[in-house]
């Protein structure tokens, strides 16, 4: 499912809301999660999961084409850990469809 499909699905389930309003709400939520992660905050949505940022330290890597050693800079990567309720629901026979 992509963001536009999510917006459409939520709008269909909430006919009292305009689709553009649902899109604005979804964008606002995603923007706030992104801003929080950029500040180094952890974002926890109970039952769903938690977003955080993990640090990958600098290291010496290898260019797969040439085999030459290269220096890989430190970087920060987003990390998501599923919540207990979501894990239980996913493992209770829910149809996962084609992935």
C-alpha atoms as a PDB file:
ATOM      1  CA  UNK A   1       0.000   0.000   0.000  1.00  0.00           C
ATOM      2  CA  UNK A   2       1.315   3.422  -0.917  1.00  0.00           C
ATOM      3  CA  UNK A   3       0.466   6.720   0.769  1.00  0.00           C
ATOM      4  CA  UNK A   4      -2.233   7.696  -1.753  1.00  0.00           C
ATOM      5  CA  UNK A   5      -3.970   4.334  -1.242  1.00  0.00           C
ATOM      6  CA  UNK A   6      -3.820   4.819   2.526  1.00  0.00           C
ATOM      7  CA  UNK A   7      -5.372   8.277   2.193  1.00  0.00           C
ATOM      8  CA  UNK A   8      -8.106   6.945  -0.081  1.00  0.00           C
ATOM      9  CA  UNK A   9      -8.877   4.037   2.264  1.00  0.00           C
ATOM     10  CA  UNK A  10      -9.122   6.318   5.311  1.00  0.00           C
ATOM     11  CA  UNK A  11     -11.318   8.764   3.376  1.00  0.00           C
ATOM     12  CA  UNK A  12     -13.652   5.927   2.342  1.00  0.00           C
ATOM     13  CA  UNK A  13     -13.953   4.791   5.969  1.00  0.00           C
ATOM     14  CA  UNK A  14     -14.675   8.364   7.084  1.00  0.00           C
ATOM     15  CA  UNK A  15     -17.160   9.823   4.581  1.00  0.00           C
ATOM     16  CA  UNK A  16     -17.595  12.927   6.756  1.00  0.00           C
ATOM     17  CA  UNK A  17     -14.003  13.929   5.858  1.00  0.00           C
ATOM     18  CA  UNK A  18     -12.841  15.246   2.509  1.00  0.00           C
ATOM     19  CA  UNK A  19     -10.045  13.258   0.893  1.00  0.00           C
ATOM     20  CA  UNK A  20      -7.824  16.368   0.738  1.00  0.00           C
ATOM     21  CA  UNK A  21      -8.296  16.846   4.504  1.00  0.00           C
ATOM     22  CA  UNK A  22      -7.306  13.222   5.137  1.00  0.00           C
ATOM     23  CA  UNK A  23      -4.250  13.739   2.926  1.00  0.00           C
ATOM     24  CA  UNK A  24      -3.305  16.859   4.910  1.00  0.00           C
ATOM     25  CA  UNK A  25      -3.669  14.948   8.190  1.00  0.00           C
ATOM     26  CA  UNK A  26      -1.570  12.009   6.969  1.00  0.00           C
ATOM     27  CA  UNK A  27       1.115  14.405   5.681  1.00  0.00           C
ATOM     28  CA  UNK A  28       1.107  16.313   8.989  1.00  0.00           C
ATOM     29  CA  UNK A  29       1.584  13.081  10.959  1.00  0.00           C
ATOM     30  CA  UNK A  30       4.425  11.913   8.715  1.00  0.00           C
ATOM     31  CA  UNK A  31       6.072  15.346   8.835  1.00  0.00           C
ATOM     32  CA  UNK A  32       5.904  15.415  12.638  1.00  0.00           C
ATOM     33  CA  UNK A  33       7.366  11.899  12.918  1.00  0.00           C
ATOM     34  CA  UNK A  34      10.189  12.949  10.576  1.00  0.00           C
ATOM     35  CA  UNK A  35      10.857  16.165  12.521  1.00  0.00           C
ATOM     36  CA  UNK A  36      10.921  14.260  15.822  1.00  0.00           C
ATOM     37  CA  UNK A  37      13.415  11.758  14.416  1.00  0.00           C
ATOM     38  CA  UNK A  38      15.576  14.599  13.103  1.00  0.00           C
ATOM     39  CA  UNK A  39      15.671  15.998  16.672  1.00  0.00           C
ATOM     40  CA  UNK A  40      16.769  12.580  17.911  1.00  0.00           C
ATOM     41  CA  UNK A  41      13.433  11.858  19.613  1.00  0.00           C
ATOM     42  CA  UNK A  42      11.761   8.463  19.725  1.00  0.00           C
ATOM     43  CA  UNK A  43       8.166   8.304  18.457  1.00  0.00           C
ATOM     44  CA  UNK A  44       6.043   5.614  20.088  1.00  0.00           C
ATOM     45  CA  UNK A  45       2.562   4.704  18.886  1.00  0.00           C
ATOM     46  CA  UNK A  46       1.214   2.258  21.471  1.00  0.00           C
ATOM     47  CA  UNK A  47       0.105  -1.024  19.949  1.00  0.00           C
ATOM     48  CA  UNK A  48       1.641  -0.097  16.595  1.00  0.00           C
ATOM     49  CA  UNK A  49       5.345   0.392  17.197  1.00  0.00           C
ATOM     50  CA  UNK A  50       8.144   2.850  17.796  1.00  0.00           C
ATOM     51  CA  UNK A  51      10.292   4.861  15.413  1.00  0.00           C
ATOM     52  CA  UNK A  52      13.812   5.826  16.428  1.00  0.00           C
ATOM     53  CA  UNK A  53      17.154   6.707  14.899  1.00  0.00           C
ATOM     54  CA  UNK A  54      20.187   4.462  15.164  1.00  0.00           C
ATOM     55  CA  UNK A  55      23.771   5.506  14.616  1.00  0.00           C
ATOM     56  CA  UNK A  56      25.962   3.568  12.227  1.00  0.00           C
ATOM     57  CA  UNK A  57      29.559   4.465  13.058  1.00  0.00           C
ATOM     58  CA  UNK A  58      32.169   5.209  10.412  1.00  0.00           C
ATOM     59  CA  UNK A  59      33.892   2.119   9.076  1.00  0.00           C
ATOM     60  CA  UNK A  60      36.158   0.818   6.372  1.00  0.00           C
ATOM     61  CA  UNK A  61      34.130  -0.756   3.573  1.00  0.00           C
ATOM     62  CA  UNK A  62      35.005  -2.339   0.253  1.00  0.00           C
ATOM     63  CA  UNK A  63      34.060  -1.318  -3.251  1.00  0.00           C
ATOM     64  CA  UNK A  64      32.435  -4.509  -4.619  1.00  0.00           C
ATOM     65  CA  UNK A  65      33.483  -3.708  -8.185  1.00  0.00           C
ATOM     66  CA  UNK A  66      37.182  -3.021  -7.566  1.00  0.00           C
ATOM     67  CA  UNK A  67      37.777  -4.613  -4.177  1.00  0.00           C
ATOM     68  CA  UNK A  68      39.411  -1.370  -3.049  1.00  0.00           C
ATOM     69  CA  UNK A  69      38.953  -0.314   0.582  1.00  0.00           C
ATOM     70  CA  UNK A  70      36.873   2.828   1.071  1.00  0.00           C
ATOM     71  CA  UNK A  71      36.019   4.898   4.101  1.00  0.00           C
ATOM     72  CA  UNK A  72      32.283   4.906   4.856  1.00  0.00           C
ATOM     73  CA  UNK A  73      31.132   7.913   6.886  1.00  0.00           C
ATOM     74  CA  UNK A  74      29.071   7.717  10.047  1.00  0.00           C
ATOM     75  CA  UNK A  75      25.348   7.913   9.356  1.00  0.00           C
ATOM     76  CA  UNK A  76      22.030   7.893  11.125  1.00  0.00           C
ATOM     77  CA  UNK A  77      19.343   5.496   9.931  1.00  0.00           C
ATOM     78  CA  UNK A  78      15.649   5.267  10.834  1.00  0.00           C
ATOM     79  CA  UNK A  79      14.595   2.199  12.782  1.00  0.00           C
ATOM     80  CA  UNK A  80      11.105   0.798  13.442  1.00  0.00           C
ATOM     81  CA  UNK A  81      10.256  -1.729  16.117  1.00  0.00           C
ATOM     82  CA  UNK A  82       6.774  -3.241  15.945  1.00  0.00           C
ATOM     83  CA  UNK A  83       4.555  -3.082  18.987  1.00  0.00           C
ATOM     84  CA  UNK A  84       3.372  -6.189  20.801  1.00  0.00           C
ATOM     85  CA  UNK A  85      -0.264  -5.747  19.708  1.00  0.00           C
ATOM     86  CA  UNK A  86       0.724  -5.460  16.048  1.00  0.00           C
ATOM     87  CA  UNK A  87       2.946  -8.549  16.246  1.00  0.00           C
ATOM     88  CA  UNK A  88       0.093 -10.524  17.825  1.00  0.00           C
ATOM     89  CA  UNK A  89      -2.396  -9.393  15.166  1.00  0.00           C
ATOM     90  CA  UNK A  90       0.020 -10.204  12.346  1.00  0.00           C
ATOM     91  CA  UNK A  91       0.543 -13.705  13.695  1.00  0.00           C
ATOM     92  CA  UNK A  92      -3.129 -14.482  14.424  1.00  0.00           C
ATOM     93  CA  UNK A  93      -3.991 -15.716  10.947  1.00  0.00           C
ATOM     94  CA  UNK A  94      -4.405 -12.378   9.208  1.00  0.00           C
ATOM     95  CA  UNK A  95      -4.216 -12.731   5.419  1.00  0.00           C
ATOM     96  CA  UNK A  96      -0.972 -11.028   4.401  1.00  0.00           C
ATOM     97  CA  UNK A  97      -1.790 -11.108   0.681  1.00  0.00           C
ATOM     98  CA  UNK A  98       0.878 -11.039  -1.999  1.00  0.00           C
ATOM     99  CA  UNK A  99       3.996  -9.217  -0.863  1.00  0.00           C
END
